[in-house]
C-alpha atoms as a PDB file:
ATOM      1  CA  UNK A   1      -3.503 -43.977  20.679  1.00  0.00           C
ATOM      2  CA  UNK A   2       0.055 -42.737  21.761  1.00  0.00           C
ATOM      3  CA  UNK A   3      -0.292 -42.691  25.372  1.00  0.00           C
ATOM      4  CA  UNK A   4      -1.925 -46.356  24.653  1.00  0.00           C
ATOM      5  CA  UNK A   5       1.144 -47.771  22.681  1.00  0.00           C
ATOM      6  CA  UNK A   6       3.838 -46.514  25.341  1.00  0.00           C
ATOM      7  CA  UNK A   7       1.736 -48.373  27.799  1.00  0.00           C
ATOM      8  CA  UNK A   8       2.003 -51.752  25.923  1.00  0.00           C
ATOM      9  CA  UNK A   9       5.629 -51.444  25.228  1.00  0.00           C
ATOM     10  CA  UNK A  10       6.336 -50.434  29.192  1.00  0.00           C
ATOM     11  CA  UNK A  11       4.336 -53.836  30.062  1.00  0.00           C
ATOM     12  CA  UNK A  12       6.256 -55.730  27.862  1.00  0.00           C
ATOM     13  CA  UNK A  13       9.314 -54.669  28.906  1.00  0.00           C
ATOM     14  CA  UNK A  14       8.116 -55.319  32.464  1.00  0.00           C
ATOM     15  CA  UNK A  15       6.956 -59.048  31.919  1.00  0.00           C
ATOM     16  CA  UNK A  16      10.748 -59.555  29.773  1.00  0.00           C
ATOM     17  CA  UNK A  17      12.075 -58.848  33.500  1.00  0.00           C
ATOM     18  CA  UNK A  18      13.271 -55.402  32.150  1.00  0.00           C
ATOM     19  CA  UNK A  19      11.978 -53.574  35.129  1.00  0.00           C
ATOM     20  CA  UNK A  20      14.077 -50.731  35.421  1.00  0.00           C
ATOM     21  CA  UNK A  21      13.614 -49.634  31.683  1.00  0.00           C
ATOM     22  CA  UNK A  22      12.611 -46.399  30.868  1.00  0.00           C
ATOM     23  CA  UNK A  23      11.575 -45.234  27.918  1.00  0.00           C
ATOM     24  CA  UNK A  24      12.420 -41.811  26.640  1.00  0.00           C
ATOM     25  CA  UNK A  25      10.815 -38.989  28.209  1.00  0.00           C
ATOM     26  CA  UNK A  26       8.379 -36.363  25.797  1.00  0.00           C
ATOM     27  CA  UNK A  27       9.528 -32.901  25.568  1.00  0.00           C
ATOM     28  CA  UNK A  28       8.535 -30.012  27.691  1.00  0.00           C
ATOM     29  CA  UNK A  29       6.329 -27.686  25.819  1.00  0.00           C
ATOM     30  CA  UNK A  30       8.092 -25.199  23.627  1.00  0.00           C
ATOM     31  CA  UNK A  31       6.146 -22.159  22.029  1.00  0.00           C
ATOM     32  CA  UNK A  32       2.870 -22.262  21.248  1.00  0.00           C
ATOM     33  CA  UNK A  33       0.268 -24.028  23.261  1.00  0.00           C
ATOM     34  CA  UNK A  34      -2.634 -24.193  20.155  1.00  0.00           C
ATOM     35  CA  UNK A  35      -2.339 -24.927  16.074  1.00  0.00           C
ATOM     36  CA  UNK A  36      -3.097 -21.407  15.955  1.00  0.00           C
ATOM     37  CA  UNK A  37      -0.530 -20.219  18.440  1.00  0.00           C
ATOM     38  CA  UNK A  38       2.400 -18.896  15.619  1.00  0.00           C
ATOM     39  CA  UNK A  39       0.631 -19.461  12.758  1.00  0.00           C
ATOM     40  CA  UNK A  40       0.051 -15.844  12.157  1.00  0.00           C
ATOM     41  CA  UNK A  41       3.098 -15.031  14.465  1.00  0.00           C
ATOM     42  CA  UNK A  42       3.596 -13.947  17.631  1.00  0.00           C
ATOM     43  CA  UNK A  43       1.213 -12.133  19.758  1.00  0.00           C
ATOM     44  CA  UNK A  44       1.934 -12.008  23.026  1.00  0.00           C
ATOM     45  CA  UNK A  45       3.145  -8.002  24.093  1.00  0.00           C
ATOM     46  CA  UNK A  46       4.242  -9.246  27.308  1.00  0.00           C
ATOM     47  CA  UNK A  47       6.437 -12.061  25.839  1.00  0.00           C
ATOM     48  CA  UNK A  48       8.015 -10.241  23.378  1.00  0.00           C
ATOM     49  CA  UNK A  49       9.234  -7.255  25.558  1.00  0.00           C
ATOM     50  CA  UNK A  50      11.083 -10.129  27.047  1.00  0.00           C
ATOM     51  CA  UNK A  51      12.454 -12.107  24.575  1.00  0.00           C
ATOM     52  CA  UNK A  52      11.737 -11.162  21.462  1.00  0.00           C
ATOM     53  CA  UNK A  53      10.685 -14.076  18.826  1.00  0.00           C
ATOM     54  CA  UNK A  54      12.280 -16.245  21.277  1.00  0.00           C
ATOM     55  CA  UNK A  55       9.792 -18.769  23.644  1.00  0.00           C
ATOM     56  CA  UNK A  56       9.942 -17.926  27.185  1.00  0.00           C
ATOM     57  CA  UNK A  57      13.408 -18.403  29.132  1.00  0.00           C
ATOM     58  CA  UNK A  58      11.858 -21.018  31.313  1.00  0.00           C
ATOM     59  CA  UNK A  59      10.526 -23.470  28.451  1.00  0.00           C
ATOM     60  CA  UNK A  60      13.578 -22.732  26.338  1.00  0.00           C
ATOM     61  CA  UNK A  61      16.157 -24.003  29.621  1.00  0.00           C
ATOM     62  CA  UNK A  62      13.421 -26.905  30.360  1.00  0.00           C
ATOM     63  CA  UNK A  63      13.217 -28.089  26.966  1.00  0.00           C
ATOM     64  CA  UNK A  64      17.121 -27.390  26.410  1.00  0.00           C
ATOM     65  CA  UNK A  65      17.512 -29.842  29.809  1.00  0.00           C
ATOM     66  CA  UNK A  66      15.577 -32.611  28.293  1.00  0.00           C
ATOM     67  CA  UNK A  67      17.102 -32.496  24.754  1.00  0.00           C
ATOM     68  CA  UNK A  68      20.890 -33.074  26.833  1.00  0.00           C
ATOM     69  CA  UNK A  69      19.390 -35.723  29.223  1.00  0.00           C
ATOM     70  CA  UNK A  70      17.390 -38.210  26.649  1.00  0.00           C
ATOM     71  CA  UNK A  71      16.527 -41.463  27.870  1.00  0.00           C
ATOM     72  CA  UNK A  72      17.967 -43.323  30.316  1.00  0.00           C
ATOM     73  CA  UNK A  73      17.795 -46.792  30.100  1.00  0.00           C
ATOM     74  CA  UNK A  74      19.161 -48.672  33.467  1.00  0.00           C
ATOM     75  CA  UNK A  75      17.618 -52.106  32.584  1.00  0.00           C
ATOM     76  CA  UNK A  76      20.252 -53.767  30.334  1.00  0.00           C
ATOM     77  CA  UNK A  77      17.739 -54.686  27.967  1.00  0.00           C
ATOM     78  CA  UNK A  78      19.038 -55.312  23.948  1.00  0.00           C
ATOM     79  CA  UNK A  79      17.698 -52.834  21.282  1.00  0.00           C
ATOM     80  CA  UNK A  80      16.141 -56.233  20.001  1.00  0.00           C
ATOM     81  CA  UNK A  81      13.877 -56.389  22.420  1.00  0.00           C
ATOM     82  CA  UNK A  82      12.751 -52.906  22.959  1.00  0.00           C
ATOM     83  CA  UNK A  83      12.166 -52.986  18.829  1.00  0.00           C
ATOM     84  CA  UNK A  84       9.855 -56.038  19.715  1.00  0.00           C
ATOM     85  CA  UNK A  85       7.715 -54.771  22.340  1.00  0.00           C
ATOM     86  CA  UNK A  86       7.270 -51.691  19.920  1.00  0.00           C
ATOM     87  CA  UNK A  87       5.999 -53.968  17.221  1.00  0.00           C
ATOM     88  CA  UNK A  88       3.962 -56.003  19.447  1.00  0.00           C
ATOM     89  CA  UNK A  89       2.489 -52.582  20.222  1.00  0.00           C
ATOM     90  CA  UNK A  90       2.032 -51.489  16.864  1.00  0.00           C
ATOM     91  CA  UNK A  91       0.117 -54.598  16.182  1.00  0.00           C
ATOM     92  CA  UNK A  92      -2.434 -53.757  18.810  1.00  0.00           C
ATOM     93  CA  UNK A  93      -3.049 -50.042  18.722  1.00  0.00           C
ATOM     94  CA  UNK A  94      -2.943 -47.863  15.781  1.00  0.00           C
ATOM     95  CA  UNK A  95      -0.437 -45.397  15.401  1.00  0.00           C
ATOM     96  CA  UNK A  96      -1.599 -41.880  15.351  1.00  0.00           C
ATOM     97  CA  UNK A  97      -1.412 -40.435  11.643  1.00  0.00           C
ATOM     98  CA  UNK A  98      -1.432 -37.486  10.341  1.00  0.00           C
ATOM     99  CA  UNK A  99      -4.087 -37.618   7.637  1.00  0.00           C
ATOM    100  CA  UNK A 100      -2.833 -36.173   4.192  1.00  0.00           C
ATOM    101  CA  UNK A 101      -5.942 -34.977   2.936  1.00  0.00           C
ATOM    102  CA  UNK A 102      -6.021 -32.265   6.209  1.00  0.00           C
ATOM    103  CA  UNK A 103      -2.722 -31.631   6.181  1.00  0.00           C
ATOM    104  CA  UNK A 104      -2.761 -31.085   2.443  1.00  0.00           C
ATOM    105  CA  UNK A 105      -6.485 -28.801   3.097  1.00  0.00           C
ATOM    106  CA  UNK A 106      -4.181 -26.947   6.078  1.00  0.00           C
ATOM    107  CA  UNK A 107      -1.191 -26.558   3.707  1.00  0.00           C
ATOM    108  CA  UNK A 108      -2.968 -25.010   0.367  1.00  0.00           C
ATOM    109  CA  UNK A 109      -5.281 -22.855   2.649  1.00  0.00           C
ATOM    110  CA  UNK A 110      -2.211 -21.330   4.407  1.00  0.00           C
ATOM    111  CA  UNK A 111      -0.581 -20.386   1.294  1.00  0.00           C
ATOM    112  CA  UNK A 112      -3.832 -18.942  -0.354  1.00  0.00           C
ATOM    113  CA  UNK A 113      -4.983 -17.031   2.215  1.00  0.00           C
ATOM    114  CA  UNK A 114      -1.716 -14.597   1.493  1.00  0.00           C
ATOM    115  CA  UNK A 115      -3.443 -13.856  -1.771  1.00  0.00           C
ATOM    116  CA  UNK A 116      -6.281 -12.789  -0.450  1.00  0.00           C
ATOM    117  CA  UNK A 117      -7.302  -9.039  -1.021  1.00  0.00           C
ATOM    118  CA  UNK A 118      -8.012  -8.218   2.200  1.00  0.00           C
ATOM    119  CA  UNK A 119      -4.327  -9.955   3.876  1.00  0.00           C
ATOM    120  CA  UNK A 120      -2.466  -8.098   0.943  1.00  0.00           C
ATOM    121  CA  UNK A 121      -3.949  -4.936   2.095  1.00  0.00           C
ATOM    122  CA  UNK A 122      -3.370  -5.956   5.926  1.00  0.00           C
ATOM    123  CA  UNK A 123       0.273  -6.777   5.010  1.00  0.00           C
ATOM    124  CA  UNK A 124       0.918  -3.448   3.186  1.00  0.00           C
ATOM    125  CA  UNK A 125      -0.258  -1.454   6.060  1.00  0.00           C
ATOM    126  CA  UNK A 126       1.253  -3.774   8.635  1.00  0.00           C
ATOM    127  CA  UNK A 127       4.578  -3.123   6.622  1.00  0.00           C
ATOM    128  CA  UNK A 128       3.761   0.310   6.222  1.00  0.00           C
ATOM    129  CA  UNK A 129       3.787   0.783   9.870  1.00  0.00           C
ATOM    130  CA  UNK A 130       7.412  -1.455  10.393  1.00  0.00           C
ATOM    131  CA  UNK A 131       8.675   1.191   8.018  1.00  0.00           C
ATOM    132  CA  UNK A 132       7.788   4.207  10.383  1.00  0.00           C
ATOM    133  CA  UNK A 133      10.213   2.968  13.098  1.00  0.00           C
ATOM    134  CA  UNK A 134      12.323   2.174  10.351  1.00  0.00           C
ATOM    135  CA  UNK A 135      12.098  -1.589   9.857  1.00  0.00           C
ATOM    136  CA  UNK A 136      11.732  -3.170   6.516  1.00  0.00           C
ATOM    137  CA  UNK A 137       9.782  -5.868   6.366  1.00  0.00           C
ATOM    138  CA  UNK A 138       7.295  -6.808   3.289  1.00  0.00           C
ATOM    139  CA  UNK A 139       5.461  -9.729   5.141  1.00  0.00           C
ATOM    140  CA  UNK A 140       4.634 -10.379   8.983  1.00  0.00           C
ATOM    141  CA  UNK A 141       6.720 -13.676   8.265  1.00  0.00           C
ATOM    142  CA  UNK A 142       9.938 -12.034   7.130  1.00  0.00           C
ATOM    143  CA  UNK A 143      10.037  -9.950  10.750  1.00  0.00           C
ATOM    144  CA  UNK A 144       9.988 -13.591  12.507  1.00  0.00           C
ATOM    145  CA  UNK A 145      12.426 -15.123  10.235  1.00  0.00           C
ATOM    146  CA  UNK A 146      15.064 -12.289   9.835  1.00  0.00           C
ATOM    147  CA  UNK A 147      18.434 -14.858  10.218  1.00  0.00           C
ATOM    148  CA  UNK A 148      19.473 -11.833  12.299  1.00  0.00           C
ATOM    149  CA  UNK A 149      16.746 -13.627  14.697  1.00  0.00           C
ATOM    150  CA  UNK A 150      17.921 -17.218  15.047  1.00  0.00           C
ATOM    151  CA  UNK A 151      20.333 -17.946  17.455  1.00  0.00           C
ATOM    152  CA  UNK A 152      18.333 -19.496  20.082  1.00  0.00           C
ATOM    153  CA  UNK A 153      20.887 -18.417  22.861  1.00  0.00           C
ATOM    154  CA  UNK A 154      20.406 -15.175  22.753  1.00  0.00           C
ATOM    155  CA  UNK A 155      17.912 -12.275  22.916  1.00  0.00           C
ATOM    156  CA  UNK A 156      19.396  -9.055  21.138  1.00  0.00           C
ATOM    157  CA  UNK A 157      17.914  -5.391  22.207  1.00  0.00           C
ATOM    158  CA  UNK A 158      17.695  -4.799  18.574  1.00  0.00           C
ATOM    159  CA  UNK A 159      15.046  -8.313  18.649  1.00  0.00           C
ATOM    160  CA  UNK A 160      13.030  -7.133  21.078  1.00  0.00           C
ATOM    161  CA  UNK A 161      12.256  -3.853  19.742  1.00  0.00           C
ATOM    162  CA  UNK A 162      11.431  -5.604  16.036  1.00  0.00           C
ATOM    163  CA  UNK A 163       9.188  -7.307  17.997  1.00  0.00           C
ATOM    164  CA  UNK A 164       7.360  -4.911  19.874  1.00  0.00           C
ATOM    165  CA  UNK A 165       6.833  -2.857  17.083  1.00  0.00           C
ATOM    166  CA  UNK A 166       5.552  -5.849  15.105  1.00  0.00           C
ATOM    167  CA  UNK A 167       3.057  -6.781  17.490  1.00  0.00           C
ATOM    168  CA  UNK A 168       2.054  -3.099  17.730  1.00  0.00           C
ATOM    169  CA  UNK A 169       1.335  -2.843  13.626  1.00  0.00           C
ATOM    170  CA  UNK A 170      -0.129  -5.836  13.804  1.00  0.00           C
ATOM    171  CA  UNK A 171      -2.776  -4.885  16.391  1.00  0.00           C
ATOM    172  CA  UNK A 172      -3.241  -1.211  14.971  1.00  0.00           C
ATOM    173  CA  UNK A 173      -3.990  -3.503  11.429  1.00  0.00           C
ATOM    174  CA  UNK A 174      -5.982  -6.366  12.626  1.00  0.00           C
ATOM    175  CA  UNK A 175      -3.580  -8.324  10.599  1.00  0.00           C
ATOM    176  CA  UNK A 176      -3.996 -11.873  12.819  1.00  0.00           C
ATOM    177  CA  UNK A 177      -8.013 -11.415  12.801  1.00  0.00           C
ATOM    178  CA  UNK A 178      -8.117 -10.465   9.080  1.00  0.00           C
ATOM    179  CA  UNK A 179      -5.730 -13.573   8.237  1.00  0.00           C
ATOM    180  CA  UNK A 180      -7.523 -15.733   9.868  1.00  0.00           C
ATOM    181  CA  UNK A 181     -11.052 -15.380   8.699  1.00  0.00           C
ATOM    182  CA  UNK A 182      -9.783 -15.330   5.325  1.00  0.00           C
ATOM    183  CA  UNK A 183      -8.160 -18.661   6.070  1.00  0.00           C
ATOM    184  CA  UNK A 184     -10.839 -19.664   7.681  1.00  0.00           C
ATOM    185  CA  UNK A 185     -13.201 -19.356   4.145  1.00  0.00           C
ATOM    186  CA  UNK A 186     -10.963 -21.124   2.340  1.00  0.00           C
ATOM    187  CA  UNK A 187     -10.923 -23.920   4.466  1.00  0.00           C
ATOM    188  CA  UNK A 188     -14.772 -23.816   5.301  1.00  0.00           C
ATOM    189  CA  UNK A 189     -14.983 -23.922   1.321  1.00  0.00           C
ATOM    190  CA  UNK A 190     -12.311 -27.061   1.389  1.00  0.00           C
ATOM    191  CA  UNK A 191     -14.236 -29.313   3.896  1.00  0.00           C
ATOM    192  CA  UNK A 192     -17.348 -29.176   2.049  1.00  0.00           C
ATOM    193  CA  UNK A 193     -15.708 -29.818  -1.334  1.00  0.00           C
ATOM    194  CA  UNK A 194     -14.156 -32.680   0.673  1.00  0.00           C
ATOM    195  CA  UNK A 195     -16.860 -33.330   3.349  1.00  0.00           C
ATOM    196  CA  UNK A 196     -16.964 -37.344   2.512  1.00  0.00           C
ATOM    197  CA  UNK A 197     -13.579 -38.054   2.647  1.00  0.00           C
ATOM    198  CA  UNK A 198     -13.130 -36.042   5.881  1.00  0.00           C
ATOM    199  CA  UNK A 199     -15.594 -37.962   7.692  1.00  0.00           C
ATOM    200  CA  UNK A 200     -14.699 -41.356   6.847  1.00  0.00           C
ATOM    201  CA  UNK A 201     -10.927 -40.258   8.503  1.00  0.00           C
ATOM    202  CA  UNK A 202     -13.252 -38.941  11.450  1.00  0.00           C
ATOM    203  CA  UNK A 203     -14.783 -42.673  11.764  1.00  0.00           C
ATOM    204  CA  UNK A 204     -11.531 -43.907  11.450  1.00  0.00           C
ATOM    205  CA  UNK A 205      -9.994 -42.150  13.953  1.00  0.00           C
ATOM    206  CA  UNK A 206     -12.565 -42.323  15.996  1.00  0.00           C
ATOM    207  CA  UNK A 207     -12.596 -45.829  15.550  1.00  0.00           C
ATOM    208  CA  UNK A 208      -8.954 -45.954  16.147  1.00  0.00           C
ATOM    209  CA  UNK A 209      -8.879 -44.135  19.400  1.00  0.00           C
ATOM    210  CA  UNK A 210     -11.374 -46.829  20.710  1.00  0.00           C
ATOM    211  CA  UNK A 211      -8.979 -49.578  20.073  1.00  0.00           C
ATOM    212  CA  UNK A 212      -6.139 -47.915  21.569  1.00  0.00           C
ATOM    213  CA  UNK A 213      -8.775 -47.466  25.038  1.00  0.00           C
ATOM    214  CA  UNK A 214      -9.602 -50.961  24.938  1.00  0.00           C
ATOM    215  CA  UNK A 215      -6.070 -52.170  24.397  1.00  0.00           C
ATOM    216  CA  UNK A 216      -5.015 -51.018  27.840  1.00  0.00           C
ATOM    217  CA  UNK A 217      -8.322 -51.538  29.933  1.00  0.00           C
END
């Protein structure tokens, strides 16, 4: 749907005589590739040994450069025309939506899973493992969220050492697997309870995707 919308805006701008108009580029990927890559914390020992809790250096550099460049518009088109083309596209292609129900299930299952007895036990084992190396964190997220590691331009030796120990303790006590299994149970229960509403959302999304594809044929 997003791709179809962009195509319609580009066509509208060209039809209006703005051949040189360039839309804002998509930002390069940064960090995880799937929705669960970072949901339960870091898991790539090789990356952690180089970058601690930070994304890969090349990815961060490409992302930062894209942010600095931004959209380059050489067409001379005024913002009003761009907005008019956007409104026209919006009237043809439905905008992608993050459905409230799906987001609610995702958020509530993530929070509730951390109270699951097996997860609580895994967190405690992880915390004890970290403590043997001198790190005082109660939960895995506490380590990655440590303010000392928040500088996007600097990865200190302490951060790398912490991240390496973090992953070792995660693997030793199967933190990600236990947590994933607990949340999966909660989500499956919620999906079953909201089956009718979720199937309606699925059907609406599929219909919107078909309309988007048809609009740019």
